[in-house]
Amino acid sequence: MSESRVHPVTGVPMEYRTGKPAEWPPEKEAVVAAPGNHIVLFENDSVRVLQVVIQPGEREKPHHHPWPSVLYMSEGDQFVDRDGSGQTILDTRELDEPIALPVTMWKEPEALHSVENLSTSRAIRLLRVELKS
């Protein structure tokens, strides 16, 4: 199932895969499927804080985020976010203006996706605070 949503920062309409997070495969959860990009800084029964880093030219392995979260992006450049079937959700090269950093946004649970850092010199760095309850 998919629905049209507006990107929380850019306001650009995007196709976003939805579904039931409880049914998503645990082996595709971000920390399990893409551990090189998602580092747990803190976790308890209510919250998990992830440091996310995507190196220049790197593409994350497909993964999902089963909980809603607050995302704080402190560094980055152009990127493409693709869903589990490889379809583009967001390509920042198509925006009228670059994303002004730092930026903070609310994110609902995210189905299978993968971000590719298009920069050859700047890493994408962000903190993701996932709310488990």
C-alpha atoms as a PDB file:
ATOM      1  CA  MET A   1       0.000   0.000   0.000  1.00  0.00           C
ATOM      2  CA  SER A   2       1.234   3.513  -0.677  1.00  0.00           C
ATOM      3  CA  GLU A   3      -0.089   6.973  -0.090  1.00  0.00           C
ATOM      4  CA  SER A   4       0.877  10.399  -1.272  1.00  0.00           C
ATOM      5  CA  ARG A   5       2.463  12.463   1.486  1.00  0.00           C
ATOM      6  CA  VAL A   6       4.227  15.784   1.596  1.00  0.00           C
ATOM      7  CA  HIS A   7       7.875  15.715   2.651  1.00  0.00           C
ATOM      8  CA  PRO A   8       8.088  17.286   6.138  1.00  0.00           C
ATOM      9  CA  VAL A   9      10.940  19.648   5.242  1.00  0.00           C
ATOM     10  CA  THR A  10      10.618  20.356   1.550  1.00  0.00           C
ATOM     11  CA  GLY A  11       6.841  20.321   1.161  1.00  0.00           C
ATOM     12  CA  VAL A  12       7.349  18.226  -1.988  1.00  0.00           C
ATOM     13  CA  PRO A  13       4.714  15.519  -2.625  1.00  0.00           C
ATOM     14  CA  MET A  14       6.212  12.025  -2.474  1.00  0.00           C
ATOM     15  CA  GLU A  15       4.988   8.451  -2.759  1.00  0.00           C
ATOM     16  CA  TYR A  16       5.583   6.735   0.547  1.00  0.00           C
ATOM     17  CA  ARG A  17       5.123   3.047   1.277  1.00  0.00           C
ATOM     18  CA  THR A  18       2.954   2.456   4.299  1.00  0.00           C
ATOM     19  CA  GLY A  19       1.777  -0.615   6.085  1.00  0.00           C
ATOM     20  CA  LYS A  20       1.762  -2.152   9.526  1.00  0.00           C
ATOM     21  CA  PRO A  21       5.144  -1.770  11.283  1.00  0.00           C
ATOM     22  CA  ALA A  22       4.379  -4.759  13.536  1.00  0.00           C
ATOM     23  CA  GLU A  23       4.363  -6.916  10.384  1.00  0.00           C
ATOM     24  CA  TRP A  24       7.652  -5.622   8.968  1.00  0.00           C
ATOM     25  CA  PRO A  25      10.499  -8.188   9.046  1.00  0.00           C
ATOM     26  CA  PRO A  26      12.738  -7.726  12.111  1.00  0.00           C
ATOM     27  CA  GLU A  27      15.851  -8.534  10.073  1.00  0.00           C
ATOM     28  CA  LYS A  28      15.216  -5.380   8.007  1.00  0.00           C
ATOM     29  CA  GLU A  29      15.025  -3.048  11.033  1.00  0.00           C
ATOM     30  CA  ALA A  30      17.621  -0.254  10.622  1.00  0.00           C
ATOM     31  CA  VAL A  31      20.111  -1.304  13.304  1.00  0.00           C
ATOM     32  CA  VAL A  32      20.034  -4.931  12.121  1.00  0.00           C
ATOM     33  CA  ALA A  33      19.944  -4.423   8.335  1.00  0.00           C
ATOM     34  CA  ALA A  34      22.237  -1.366   8.085  1.00  0.00           C
ATOM     35  CA  PRO A  35      24.426  -1.433  11.222  1.00  0.00           C
ATOM     36  CA  GLY A  36      27.259   0.451   9.549  1.00  0.00           C
ATOM     37  CA  ASN A  37      24.998   3.482   9.212  1.00  0.00           C
ATOM     38  CA  HIS A  38      22.882   3.268  12.401  1.00  0.00           C
ATOM     39  CA  ILE A  39      24.609   3.375  15.800  1.00  0.00           C
ATOM     40  CA  VAL A  40      22.564   3.129  18.991  1.00  0.00           C
ATOM     41  CA  LEU A  41      23.616   5.947  21.341  1.00  0.00           C
ATOM     42  CA  PHE A  42      20.921   5.290  23.948  1.00  0.00           C
ATOM     43  CA  GLU A  43      18.014   2.902  24.376  1.00  0.00           C
ATOM     44  CA  ASN A  44      15.412   2.009  26.982  1.00  0.00           C
ATOM     45  CA  ASP A  45      11.807   0.753  26.895  1.00  0.00           C
ATOM     46  CA  SER A  46      10.480   4.131  25.711  1.00  0.00           C
ATOM     47  CA  VAL A  47      13.053   5.611  23.361  1.00  0.00           C
ATOM     48  CA  ARG A  48      16.020   4.795  21.147  1.00  0.00           C
ATOM     49  CA  VAL A  49      18.521   7.391  19.935  1.00  0.00           C
ATOM     50  CA  LEU A  50      20.419   6.601  16.748  1.00  0.00           C
ATOM     51  CA  GLN A  51      23.399   8.306  15.203  1.00  0.00           C
ATOM     52  CA  VAL A  52      23.072   7.931  11.439  1.00  0.00           C
ATOM     53  CA  VAL A  53      26.016   8.502   9.108  1.00  0.00           C
ATOM     54  CA  ILE A  54      26.053   7.921   5.354  1.00  0.00           C
ATOM     55  CA  GLN A  55      29.479   8.476   3.845  1.00  0.00           C
ATOM     56  CA  PRO A  56      30.038  10.316   0.534  1.00  0.00           C
ATOM     57  CA  GLY A  57      28.944   8.119  -2.371  1.00  0.00           C
ATOM     58  CA  GLU A  58      27.483   5.480  -0.049  1.00  0.00           C
ATOM     59  CA  ARG A  59      24.048   3.874  -0.329  1.00  0.00           C
ATOM     60  CA  GLU A  60      22.542   2.331   2.787  1.00  0.00           C
ATOM     61  CA  LYS A  61      21.229  -1.215   2.732  1.00  0.00           C
ATOM     62  CA  PRO A  62      17.414  -1.322   2.596  1.00  0.00           C
ATOM     63  CA  HIS A  63      15.896  -1.022   6.068  1.00  0.00           C
ATOM     64  CA  HIS A  64      12.852   0.249   7.950  1.00  0.00           C
ATOM     65  CA  HIS A  65      12.132   2.307  11.068  1.00  0.00           C
ATOM     66  CA  PRO A  66       9.128   0.834  12.939  1.00  0.00           C
ATOM     67  CA  TRP A  67       8.581   3.741  15.356  1.00  0.00           C
ATOM     68  CA  PRO A  68       7.770   7.424  14.851  1.00  0.00           C
ATOM     69  CA  SER A  69      10.754   9.670  15.416  1.00  0.00           C
ATOM     70  CA  VAL A  70      12.243  13.117  15.535  1.00  0.00           C
ATOM     71  CA  LEU A  71      15.082  13.531  13.052  1.00  0.00           C
ATOM     72  CA  TYR A  72      17.799  16.165  13.420  1.00  0.00           C
ATOM     73  CA  MET A  73      19.961  16.434  10.285  1.00  0.00           C
ATOM     74  CA  SER A  74      23.107  18.426  10.990  1.00  0.00           C
ATOM     75  CA  GLU A  75      25.165  17.776   7.866  1.00  0.00           C
ATOM     76  CA  GLY A  76      24.568  16.630   4.329  1.00  0.00           C
ATOM     77  CA  ASP A  77      24.227  17.487   0.696  1.00  0.00           C
ATOM     78  CA  GLN A  78      22.307  15.987  -2.216  1.00  0.00           C
ATOM     79  CA  PHE A  79      20.716  12.560  -1.691  1.00  0.00           C
ATOM     80  CA  VAL A  80      18.141  10.155  -3.061  1.00  0.00           C
ATOM     81  CA  ASP A  81      15.760   8.209  -0.821  1.00  0.00           C
ATOM     82  CA  ARG A  82      14.340   5.064  -2.472  1.00  0.00           C
ATOM     83  CA  ASP A  83      11.669   2.648  -1.306  1.00  0.00           C
ATOM     84  CA  GLY A  84      12.165  -1.108  -1.002  1.00  0.00           C
ATOM     85  CA  SER A  85      11.487  -1.663  -4.697  1.00  0.00           C
ATOM     86  CA  GLY A  86      13.995   1.015  -5.769  1.00  0.00           C
ATOM     87  CA  GLN A  87      11.423   3.671  -6.662  1.00  0.00           C
ATOM     88  CA  THR A  88      12.431   7.230  -5.781  1.00  0.00           C
ATOM     89  CA  ILE A  89      10.679   8.707  -2.761  1.00  0.00           C
ATOM     90  CA  LEU A  90      12.704  11.924  -2.755  1.00  0.00           C
ATOM     91  CA  ASP A  91      15.573  13.198  -4.912  1.00  0.00           C
ATOM     92  CA  THR A  92      16.934  16.448  -3.467  1.00  0.00           C
ATOM     93  CA  ARG A  93      18.344  17.433  -6.882  1.00  0.00           C
ATOM     94  CA  GLU A  94      14.732  18.056  -7.943  1.00  0.00           C
ATOM     95  CA  LEU A  95      14.041  20.596  -5.190  1.00  0.00           C
ATOM     96  CA  ASP A  96      13.737  24.292  -6.002  1.00  0.00           C
ATOM     97  CA  GLU A  97      16.144  25.113  -3.156  1.00  0.00           C
ATOM     98  CA  PRO A  98      18.616  23.038  -1.150  1.00  0.00           C
ATOM     99  CA  ILE A  99      17.552  21.859   2.294  1.00  0.00           C
ATOM    100  CA  ALA A 100      18.665  24.477   4.849  1.00  0.00           C
ATOM    101  CA  LEU A 101      20.710  22.728   7.532  1.00  0.00           C
ATOM    102  CA  PRO A 102      20.460  22.035  10.340  1.00  0.00           C
ATOM    103  CA  VAL A 103      16.885  20.826  10.089  1.00  0.00           C
ATOM    104  CA  THR A 104      14.589  19.038  12.525  1.00  0.00           C
ATOM    105  CA  MET A 105      11.522  17.073  11.407  1.00  0.00           C
ATOM    106  CA  TRP A 106       8.893  14.621  12.595  1.00  0.00           C
ATOM    107  CA  LYS A 107       8.818  11.248  10.827  1.00  0.00           C
ATOM    108  CA  GLU A 108       6.137   8.580  11.013  1.00  0.00           C
ATOM    109  CA  PRO A 109       7.361   4.953  10.898  1.00  0.00           C
ATOM    110  CA  GLU A 110       9.265   4.473   7.651  1.00  0.00           C
ATOM    111  CA  ALA A 111       8.770   1.358   5.553  1.00  0.00           C
ATOM    112  CA  LEU A 112      11.640  -0.293   3.707  1.00  0.00           C
ATOM    113  CA  HIS A 113      13.847   2.389   2.161  1.00  0.00           C
ATOM    114  CA  SER A 114      17.459   3.235   1.404  1.00  0.00           C
ATOM    115  CA  VAL A 115      19.238   6.601   1.229  1.00  0.00           C
ATOM    116  CA  GLU A 116      22.092   7.242  -1.218  1.00  0.00           C
ATOM    117  CA  ASN A 117      24.470  10.102  -0.476  1.00  0.00           C
ATOM    118  CA  LEU A 118      25.233  11.734  -3.838  1.00  0.00           C
ATOM    119  CA  SER A 119      27.999  13.945  -2.459  1.00  0.00           C
ATOM    120  CA  THR A 120      31.612  13.052  -3.187  1.00  0.00           C
ATOM    121  CA  SER A 121      32.924  15.009  -0.197  1.00  0.00           C
ATOM    122  CA  ARG A 122      30.288  15.430   2.581  1.00  0.00           C
ATOM    123  CA  ALA A 123      28.804  12.785   4.827  1.00  0.00           C
ATOM    124  CA  ILE A 124      25.152  12.890   5.804  1.00  0.00           C
ATOM    125  CA  ARG A 125      24.931  13.053   9.612  1.00  0.00           C
ATOM    126  CA  LEU A 126      21.833  12.985  11.731  1.00  0.00           C
ATOM    127  CA  LEU A 127      20.373  12.001  15.059  1.00  0.00           C
ATOM    128  CA  ARG A 128      17.135  10.048  15.118  1.00  0.00           C
ATOM    129  CA  VAL A 129      15.106   9.841  18.349  1.00  0.00           C
ATOM    130  CA  GLU A 130      12.655   6.952  17.977  1.00  0.00           C
ATOM    131  CA  LEU A 131       9.631   6.872  20.268  1.00  0.00           C
ATOM    132  CA  LYS A 132       8.803   3.267  21.101  1.00  0.00           C
ATOM    133  CA  SER A 133       5.654   3.774  23.146  1.00  0.00           C
END
